[in-house]
């Protein structure tokens, strides 16, 4: 394992790593850690698959009846709050 970065540190950086928003020094540290750490490489591969699956998932529309019930519920809550001081 590379000195200076723990597995917990590496895992915390994965989203930023995949979004390419990390600075060069942090990328170098993370990639050095990944070179030496098979469990973190496996975690990164799983993370990549999960992000990809989430990105391709279909959006499901809320049924109209549920949308109306939710709007009514929120409106009732808001009316209840407007009477509070």
PDB file of N, CA and C in Angstrom:
ATOM      1  N   UNK A   1       0.820  -1.190   0.000  1.00  0.00           N
ATOM      2  CA  UNK A   1       0.000   0.000   0.000  1.00  0.00           C
ATOM      3  C   UNK A   1       0.864   1.254   0.000  1.00  0.00           C
ATOM      4  N   UNK A   2       0.400   2.286  -0.682  1.00  0.00           N
ATOM      5  CA  UNK A   2       1.176   3.514  -0.707  1.00  0.00           C
ATOM      6  C   UNK A   2       1.027   4.251   0.610  1.00  0.00           C
ATOM      7  N   UNK A   3       2.114   4.856   1.035  1.00  0.00           N
ATOM      8  CA  UNK A   3       2.100   5.600   2.289  1.00  0.00           C
ATOM      9  C   UNK A   3       1.309   6.881   2.100  1.00  0.00           C
ATOM     10  N   UNK A   4       0.600   7.287   3.133  1.00  0.00           N
ATOM     11  CA  UNK A   4      -0.088   8.563   3.105  1.00  0.00           C
ATOM     12  C   UNK A   4      -1.553   8.497   2.751  1.00  0.00           C
ATOM     13  N   UNK A   5      -2.017   7.456   2.095  1.00  0.00           N
ATOM     14  CA  UNK A   5      -3.427   7.364   1.763  1.00  0.00           C
ATOM     15  C   UNK A   5      -3.955   6.019   2.228  1.00  0.00           C
ATOM     16  N   UNK A   6      -5.004   6.076   3.006  1.00  0.00           N
ATOM     17  CA  UNK A   6      -5.644   4.847   3.467  1.00  0.00           C
ATOM     18  C   UNK A   6      -6.728   4.436   2.483  1.00  0.00           C
ATOM     19  N   UNK A   7      -7.229   3.236   2.640  1.00  0.00           N
ATOM     20  CA  UNK A   7      -8.340   2.774   1.805  1.00  0.00           C
ATOM     21  C   UNK A   7      -9.558   3.675   2.019  1.00  0.00           C
ATOM     22  N   UNK A   8      -9.791   4.079   3.246  1.00  0.00           N
ATOM     23  CA  UNK A   8     -10.920   4.964   3.542  1.00  0.00           C
ATOM     24  C   UNK A   8     -10.744   6.299   2.801  1.00  0.00           C
ATOM     25  N   UNK A   9      -9.534   6.835   2.794  1.00  0.00           N
ATOM     26  CA  UNK A   9      -9.248   8.074   2.054  1.00  0.00           C
ATOM     27  C   UNK A   9      -9.540   7.876   0.564  1.00  0.00           C
ATOM     28  N   UNK A  10      -9.060   6.764   0.029  1.00  0.00           N
ATOM     29  CA  UNK A  10      -9.225   6.489  -1.402  1.00  0.00           C
ATOM     30  C   UNK A  10     -10.696   6.371  -1.772  1.00  0.00           C
ATOM     31  N   UNK A  11     -11.445   5.627  -0.997  1.00  0.00           N
ATOM     32  CA  UNK A  11     -12.863   5.427  -1.287  1.00  0.00           C
ATOM     33  C   UNK A  11     -13.626   6.749  -1.236  1.00  0.00           C
ATOM     34  N   UNK A  12     -13.252   7.614  -0.322  1.00  0.00           N
ATOM     35  CA  UNK A  12     -13.915   8.915  -0.203  1.00  0.00           C
ATOM     36  C   UNK A  12     -13.690   9.795  -1.430  1.00  0.00           C
ATOM     37  N   UNK A  13     -12.655   9.508  -2.203  1.00  0.00           N
ATOM     38  CA  UNK A  13     -12.312  10.334  -3.364  1.00  0.00           C
ATOM     39  C   UNK A  13     -12.823   9.782  -4.694  1.00  0.00           C
ATOM     40  N   UNK A  14     -13.424   8.607  -4.681  1.00  0.00           N
ATOM     41  CA  UNK A  14     -13.739   7.949  -5.946  1.00  0.00           C
ATOM     42  C   UNK A  14     -14.700   8.728  -6.836  1.00  0.00           C
ATOM     43  N   UNK A  15     -15.737   9.314  -6.279  1.00  0.00           N
ATOM     44  CA  UNK A  15     -16.676  10.062  -7.114  1.00  0.00           C
ATOM     45  C   UNK A  15     -15.969  11.231  -7.793  1.00  0.00           C
ATOM     46  N   UNK A  16     -15.204  11.980  -7.025  1.00  0.00           N
ATOM     47  CA  UNK A  16     -14.462  13.106  -7.593  1.00  0.00           C
ATOM     48  C   UNK A  16     -13.446  12.622  -8.638  1.00  0.00           C
ATOM     49  N   UNK A  17     -12.858  11.465  -8.381  1.00  0.00           N
ATOM     50  CA  UNK A  17     -11.905  10.879  -9.323  1.00  0.00           C
ATOM     51  C   UNK A  17     -12.601  10.572 -10.649  1.00  0.00           C
ATOM     52  N   UNK A  18     -13.762   9.940 -10.571  1.00  0.00           N
ATOM     53  CA  UNK A  18     -14.497   9.595 -11.788  1.00  0.00           C
ATOM     54  C   UNK A  18     -15.020  10.835 -12.505  1.00  0.00           C
ATOM     55  N   UNK A  19     -15.304  11.880 -11.762  1.00  0.00           N
ATOM     56  CA  UNK A  19     -15.781  13.134 -12.363  1.00  0.00           C
ATOM     57  C   UNK A  19     -14.621  14.025 -12.809  1.00  0.00           C
ATOM     58  N   UNK A  20     -13.405  13.562 -12.594  1.00  0.00           N
ATOM     59  CA  UNK A  20     -12.161  14.278 -12.928  1.00  0.00           C
ATOM     60  C   UNK A  20     -12.123  15.694 -12.347  1.00  0.00           C
ATOM     61  N   UNK A  21     -12.478  15.787 -11.064  1.00  0.00           N
ATOM     62  CA  UNK A  21     -12.468  17.092 -10.405  1.00  0.00           C
ATOM     63  C   UNK A  21     -11.366  17.206  -9.353  1.00  0.00           C
ATOM     64  N   UNK A  22     -10.530  16.195  -9.247  1.00  0.00           N
ATOM     65  CA  UNK A  22      -9.436  16.232  -8.275  1.00  0.00           C
ATOM     66  C   UNK A  22      -8.224  16.957  -8.861  1.00  0.00           C
ATOM     67  N   UNK A  23      -7.431  17.559  -7.986  1.00  0.00           N
ATOM     68  CA  UNK A  23      -6.191  18.182  -8.447  1.00  0.00           C
ATOM     69  C   UNK A  23      -5.175  17.089  -8.793  1.00  0.00           C
ATOM     70  N   UNK A  24      -4.168  17.471  -9.552  1.00  0.00           N
ATOM     71  CA  UNK A  24      -3.182  16.503 -10.062  1.00  0.00           C
ATOM     72  C   UNK A  24      -2.462  15.748  -8.952  1.00  0.00           C
ATOM     73  N   UNK A  25      -2.122  16.435  -7.869  1.00  0.00           N
ATOM     74  CA  UNK A  25      -1.394  15.785  -6.774  1.00  0.00           C
ATOM     75  C   UNK A  25      -2.253  14.712  -6.113  1.00  0.00           C
ATOM     76  N   UNK A  26      -3.546  14.992  -5.931  1.00  0.00           N
ATOM     77  CA  UNK A  26      -4.442  14.020  -5.305  1.00  0.00           C
ATOM     78  C   UNK A  26      -4.671  12.835  -6.237  1.00  0.00           C
ATOM     79  N   UNK A  27      -4.807  13.105  -7.537  1.00  0.00           N
ATOM     80  CA  UNK A  27      -4.955  12.024  -8.511  1.00  0.00           C
ATOM     81  C   UNK A  27      -3.732  11.115  -8.464  1.00  0.00           C
ATOM     82  N   UNK A  28      -2.546  11.692  -8.414  1.00  0.00           N
ATOM     83  CA  UNK A  28      -1.316  10.893  -8.363  1.00  0.00           C
ATOM     84  C   UNK A  28      -1.278  10.032  -7.111  1.00  0.00           C
ATOM     85  N   UNK A  29      -1.665  10.619  -5.980  1.00  0.00           N
ATOM     86  CA  UNK A  29      -1.692   9.856  -4.721  1.00  0.00           C
ATOM     87  C   UNK A  29      -2.701   8.717  -4.789  1.00  0.00           C
ATOM     88  N   UNK A  30      -3.892   9.024  -5.298  1.00  0.00           N
ATOM     89  CA  UNK A  30      -4.933   8.002  -5.395  1.00  0.00           C
ATOM     90  C   UNK A  30      -4.515   6.901  -6.351  1.00  0.00           C
ATOM     91  N   UNK A  31      -3.978   7.260  -7.495  1.00  0.00           N
ATOM     92  CA  UNK A  31      -3.562   6.241  -8.453  1.00  0.00           C
ATOM     93  C   UNK A  31      -2.419   5.394  -7.926  1.00  0.00           C
ATOM     94  N   UNK A  32      -1.522   5.981  -7.139  1.00  0.00           N
ATOM     95  CA  UNK A  32      -0.454   5.200  -6.504  1.00  0.00           C
ATOM     96  C   UNK A  32      -1.066   4.200  -5.526  1.00  0.00           C
ATOM     97  N   UNK A  33      -2.050   4.652  -4.768  1.00  0.00           N
ATOM     98  CA  UNK A  33      -2.718   3.756  -3.823  1.00  0.00           C
ATOM     99  C   UNK A  33      -3.415   2.629  -4.592  1.00  0.00           C
ATOM    100  N   UNK A  34      -4.129   2.978  -5.668  1.00  0.00           N
ATOM    101  CA  UNK A  34      -4.839   1.968  -6.442  1.00  0.00           C
ATOM    102  C   UNK A  34      -3.879   0.949  -7.058  1.00  0.00           C
ATOM    103  N   UNK A  35      -2.691   1.389  -7.452  1.00  0.00           N
ATOM    104  CA  UNK A  35      -1.693   0.476  -8.012  1.00  0.00           C
ATOM    105  C   UNK A  35      -1.318  -0.607  -7.013  1.00  0.00           C
ATOM    106  N   UNK A  36      -1.234  -0.227  -5.745  1.00  0.00           N
ATOM    107  CA  UNK A  36      -0.796  -1.151  -4.700  1.00  0.00           C
ATOM    108  C   UNK A  36      -1.931  -1.851  -3.964  1.00  0.00           C
ATOM    109  N   UNK A  37      -3.193  -1.476  -4.218  1.00  0.00           N
ATOM    110  CA  UNK A  37      -4.292  -1.978  -3.391  1.00  0.00           C
ATOM    111  C   UNK A  37      -5.378  -2.644  -4.238  1.00  0.00           C
ATOM    112  N   UNK A  38      -5.325  -3.961  -4.308  1.00  0.00           N
ATOM    113  CA  UNK A  38      -6.311  -4.717  -5.090  1.00  0.00           C
ATOM    114  C   UNK A  38      -7.740  -4.508  -4.584  1.00  0.00           C
ATOM    115  N   UNK A  39      -7.983  -4.480  -3.265  1.00  0.00           N
ATOM    116  CA  UNK A  39      -9.360  -4.255  -2.804  1.00  0.00           C
ATOM    117  C   UNK A  39      -9.926  -2.904  -3.260  1.00  0.00           C
ATOM    118  N   UNK A  40      -9.120  -1.863  -3.259  1.00  0.00           N
ATOM    119  CA  UNK A  40      -9.598  -0.553  -3.712  1.00  0.00           C
ATOM    120  C   UNK A  40      -9.816  -0.536  -5.217  1.00  0.00           C
ATOM    121  N   UNK A  41      -8.995  -1.268  -5.983  1.00  0.00           N
ATOM    122  CA  UNK A  41      -9.229  -1.375  -7.426  1.00  0.00           C
ATOM    123  C   UNK A  41     -10.554  -2.074  -7.689  1.00  0.00           C
ATOM    124  N   UNK A  42     -10.836  -3.121  -6.919  1.00  0.00           N
ATOM    125  CA  UNK A  42     -12.106  -3.840  -7.064  1.00  0.00           C
ATOM    126  C   UNK A  42     -13.277  -2.936  -6.687  1.00  0.00           C
ATOM    127  N   UNK A  43     -13.096  -2.157  -5.619  1.00  0.00           N
ATOM    128  CA  UNK A  43     -14.143  -1.231  -5.191  1.00  0.00           C
ATOM    129  C   UNK A  43     -14.394  -0.193  -6.285  1.00  0.00           C
ATOM    130  N   UNK A  44     -13.330   0.331  -6.891  1.00  0.00           N
ATOM    131  CA  UNK A  44     -13.459   1.307  -7.972  1.00  0.00           C
ATOM    132  C   UNK A  44     -14.209   0.704  -9.159  1.00  0.00           C
ATOM    133  N   UNK A  45     -13.888  -0.528  -9.514  1.00  0.00           N
ATOM    134  CA  UNK A  45     -14.576  -1.181 -10.632  1.00  0.00           C
ATOM    135  C   UNK A  45     -16.063  -1.332 -10.337  1.00  0.00           C
ATOM    136  N   UNK A  46     -16.403  -1.722  -9.122  1.00  0.00           N
ATOM    137  CA  UNK A  46     -17.800  -1.859  -8.719  1.00  0.00           C
ATOM    138  C   UNK A  46     -18.487  -0.505  -8.726  1.00  0.00           C
ATOM    139  N   UNK A  47     -17.785   0.504  -8.221  1.00  0.00           N
ATOM    140  CA  UNK A  47     -18.321   1.866  -8.173  1.00  0.00           C
ATOM    141  C   UNK A  47     -18.611   2.369  -9.585  1.00  0.00           C
ATOM    142  N   UNK A  48     -17.686   2.124 -10.500  1.00  0.00           N
ATOM    143  CA  UNK A  48     -17.890   2.538 -11.896  1.00  0.00           C
ATOM    144  C   UNK A  48     -19.138   1.883 -12.479  1.00  0.00           C
ATOM    145  N   UNK A  49     -19.308   0.583 -12.214  1.00  0.00           N
ATOM    146  CA  UNK A  49     -20.486  -0.125 -12.727  1.00  0.00           C
ATOM    147  C   UNK A  49     -21.765   0.443 -12.127  1.00  0.00           C
ATOM    148  N   UNK A  50     -21.746   0.750 -10.828  1.00  0.00           N
ATOM    149  CA  UNK A  50     -22.931   1.297 -10.164  1.00  0.00           C
ATOM    150  C   UNK A  50     -23.289   2.674 -10.728  1.00  0.00           C
ATOM    151  N   UNK A  51     -22.288   3.515 -10.917  1.00  0.00           N
ATOM    152  CA  UNK A  51     -22.525   4.852 -11.485  1.00  0.00           C
ATOM    153  C   UNK A  51     -23.082   4.714 -12.900  1.00  0.00           C
ATOM    154  N   UNK A  52     -22.534   3.806 -13.665  1.00  0.00           N
ATOM    155  CA  UNK A  52     -23.020   3.586 -15.032  1.00  0.00           C
ATOM    156  C   UNK A  52     -24.449   3.067 -15.056  1.00  0.00           C
ATOM    157  N   UNK A  53     -24.750   2.148 -14.149  1.00  0.00           N
ATOM    158  CA  UNK A  53     -26.115   1.606 -14.085  1.00  0.00           C
ATOM    159  C   UNK A  53     -27.113   2.687 -13.684  1.00  0.00           C
ATOM    160  N   UNK A  54     -26.742   3.511 -12.729  1.00  0.00           N
ATOM    161  CA  UNK A  54     -27.633   4.589 -12.291  1.00  0.00           C
ATOM    162  C   UNK A  54     -27.866   5.589 -13.415  1.00  0.00           C
ATOM    163  N   UNK A  55     -26.849   5.845 -14.200  1.00  0.00           N
ATOM    164  CA  UNK A  55     -26.973   6.819 -15.289  1.00  0.00           C
ATOM    165  C   UNK A  55     -27.880   6.312 -16.402  1.00  0.00           C
ATOM    166  N   UNK A  56     -27.949   5.011 -16.581  1.00  0.00           N
ATOM    167  CA  UNK A  56     -28.760   4.460 -17.659  1.00  0.00           C
ATOM    168  C   UNK A  56     -30.146   4.011 -17.203  1.00  0.00           C
ATOM    169  N   UNK A  57     -30.422   4.098 -15.917  1.00  0.00           N
ATOM    170  CA  UNK A  57     -31.733   3.682 -15.406  1.00  0.00           C
ATOM    171  C   UNK A  57     -32.815   4.595 -15.970  1.00  0.00           C
ATOM    172  N   UNK A  58     -33.950   4.003 -16.256  1.00  0.00           N
ATOM    173  CA  UNK A  58     -35.050   4.782 -16.790  1.00  0.00           C
ATOM    174  C   UNK A  58     -35.732   5.583 -15.689  1.00  0.00           C
ATOM    175  N   UNK A  59     -36.154   6.755 -16.054  1.00  0.00           N
ATOM    176  CA  UNK A  59     -36.904   7.590 -15.121  1.00  0.00           C
ATOM    177  C   UNK A  59     -38.344   7.110 -15.131  1.00  0.00           C
ATOM    178  N   UNK A  60     -38.913   6.980 -13.955  1.00  0.00           N
ATOM    179  CA  UNK A  60     -40.290   6.537 -13.831  1.00  0.00           C
ATOM    180  C   UNK A  60     -41.138   7.725 -13.410  1.00  0.00           C
ATOM    181  N   UNK A  61     -42.185   7.982 -14.169  1.00  0.00           N
ATOM    182  CA  UNK A  61     -43.085   9.086 -13.850  1.00  0.00           C
ATOM    183  C   UNK A  61     -44.010   8.692 -12.711  1.00  0.00           C
ATOM    184  N   UNK A  62     -44.273   9.648 -11.833  1.00  0.00           N
ATOM    185  CA  UNK A  62     -45.201   9.440 -10.737  1.00  0.00           C
ATOM    186  C   UNK A  62     -46.617   9.362 -11.318  1.00  0.00           C
ATOM    187  N   UNK A  63     -47.417   8.372 -10.919  1.00  0.00           N
ATOM    188  CA  UNK A  63     -48.795   8.291 -11.418  1.00  0.00           C
ATOM    189  C   UNK A  63     -49.573   9.559 -11.052  1.00  0.00           C
ATOM    190  N   UNK A  64     -50.476  10.002 -11.933  1.00  0.00           N
ATOM    191  CA  UNK A  64     -51.228  11.239 -11.689  1.00  0.00           C
ATOM    192  C   UNK A  64     -51.942  11.259 -10.334  1.00  0.00           C
ATOM    193  N   UNK A  65     -52.542  10.147  -9.936  1.00  0.00           N
ATOM    194  CA  UNK A  65     -53.249  10.108  -8.646  1.00  0.00           C
ATOM    195  C   UNK A  65     -52.290  10.363  -7.490  1.00  0.00           C
ATOM    196  N   UNK A  66     -51.108   9.772  -7.546  1.00  0.00           N
ATOM    197  CA  UNK A  66     -50.110   9.969  -6.498  1.00  0.00           C
ATOM    198  C   UNK A  66     -49.622  11.418  -6.491  1.00  0.00           C
ATOM    199  N   UNK A  67     -49.419  11.990  -7.673  1.00  0.00           N
ATOM    200  CA  UNK A  67     -48.987  13.377  -7.783  1.00  0.00           C
ATOM    201  C   UNK A  67     -50.019  14.312  -7.138  1.00  0.00           C
ATOM    202  N   UNK A  68     -51.316  14.065  -7.415  1.00  0.00           N
ATOM    203  CA  UNK A  68     -52.391  14.887  -6.842  1.00  0.00           C
ATOM    204  C   UNK A  68     -52.446  14.737  -5.323  1.00  0.00           C
ATOM    205  N   UNK A  69     -52.313  13.519  -4.831  1.00  0.00           N
ATOM    206  CA  UNK A  69     -52.334  13.282  -3.381  1.00  0.00           C
ATOM    207  C   UNK A  69     -51.161  13.972  -2.697  1.00  0.00           C
ATOM    208  N   UNK A  70     -49.989  13.916  -3.318  1.00  0.00           N
ATOM    209  CA  UNK A  70     -48.806  14.562  -2.757  1.00  0.00           C
ATOM    210  C   UNK A  70     -48.978  16.081  -2.743  1.00  0.00           C
ATOM    211  N   UNK A  71     -49.467  16.635  -3.832  1.00  0.00           N
ATOM    212  CA  UNK A  71     -49.690  18.080  -3.894  1.00  0.00           C
ATOM    213  C   UNK A  71     -50.690  18.516  -2.838  1.00  0.00           C
ATOM    214  N   UNK A  72     -51.753  17.746  -2.650  1.00  0.00           N
ATOM    215  CA  UNK A  72     -52.762  18.063  -1.636  1.00  0.00           C
ATOM    216  C   UNK A  72     -52.157  18.006  -0.238  1.00  0.00           C
ATOM    217  N   UNK A  73     -51.372  16.985   0.019  1.00  0.00           N
ATOM    218  CA  UNK A  73     -50.724  16.833   1.322  1.00  0.00           C
ATOM    219  C   UNK A  73     -49.808  18.024   1.620  1.00  0.00           C
ATOM    220  N   UNK A  74     -49.001  18.403   0.646  1.00  0.00           N
ATOM    221  CA  UNK A  74     -48.072  19.526   0.839  1.00  0.00           C
ATOM    222  C   UNK A  74     -48.847  20.824   1.048  1.00  0.00           C
ATOM    223  N   UNK A  75     -49.908  21.024   0.258  1.00  0.00           N
ATOM    224  CA  UNK A  75     -50.716  22.242   0.405  1.00  0.00           C
ATOM    225  C   UNK A  75     -51.337  22.309   1.797  1.00  0.00           C
ATOM    226  N   UNK A  76     -51.838  21.199   2.312  1.00  0.00           N
ATOM    227  CA  UNK A  76     -52.425  21.176   3.658  1.00  0.00           C
ATOM    228  C   UNK A  76     -51.370  21.506   4.699  1.00  0.00           C
ATOM    229  N   UNK A  77     -50.200  20.961   4.563  1.00  0.00           N
ATOM    230  CA  UNK A  77     -49.113  21.237   5.508  1.00  0.00           C
ATOM    231  C   UNK A  77     -48.725  22.698   5.484  1.00  0.00           C
ATOM    232  N   UNK A  78     -48.637  23.273   4.304  1.00  0.00           N
ATOM    233  CA  UNK A  78     -48.257  24.668   4.173  1.00  0.00           C
ATOM    234  C   UNK A  78     -49.341  25.585   4.766  1.00  0.00           C
ATOM    235  N   UNK A  79     -50.604  25.255   4.540  1.00  0.00           N
ATOM    236  CA  UNK A  79     -51.686  26.050   5.131  1.00  0.00           C
ATOM    237  C   UNK A  79     -51.636  25.969   6.650  1.00  0.00           C
ATOM    238  N   UNK A  80     -51.311  24.811   7.190  1.00  0.00           N
ATOM    239  CA  UNK A  80     -51.206  24.640   8.637  1.00  0.00           C
ATOM    240  C   UNK A  80     -50.094  25.466   9.233  1.00  0.00           C
ATOM    241  N   UNK A  81     -49.006  25.625   8.518  1.00  0.00           N
ATOM    242  CA  UNK A  81     -47.869  26.411   8.998  1.00  0.00           C
ATOM    243  C   UNK A  81     -48.119  27.903   8.920  1.00  0.00           C
ATOM    244  N   UNK A  82     -48.924  28.335   7.944  1.00  0.00           N
ATOM    245  CA  UNK A  82     -49.127  29.772   7.783  1.00  0.00           C
ATOM    246  C   UNK A  82     -49.891  30.371   8.956  1.00  0.00           C
ATOM    247  N   UNK A  83     -50.611  29.551   9.721  1.00  0.00           N
ATOM    248  CA  UNK A  83     -51.329  30.035  10.876  1.00  0.00           C
ATOM    249  C   UNK A  83     -50.474  30.081  12.130  1.00  0.00           C
ATOM    250  N   UNK A  84     -49.235  29.526  12.064  1.00  0.00           N
ATOM    251  CA  UNK A  84     -48.347  29.519  13.228  1.00  0.00           C
ATOM    252  C   UNK A  84     -47.535  30.796  13.266  1.00  0.00           C
ATOM    253  N   UNK A  85     -47.226  31.248  14.490  1.00  0.00           N
ATOM    254  CA  UNK A  85     -46.411  32.467  14.617  1.00  0.00           C
ATOM    255  C   UNK A  85     -44.981  32.129  14.877  1.00  0.00           C
TER     256      UNK A  85
END
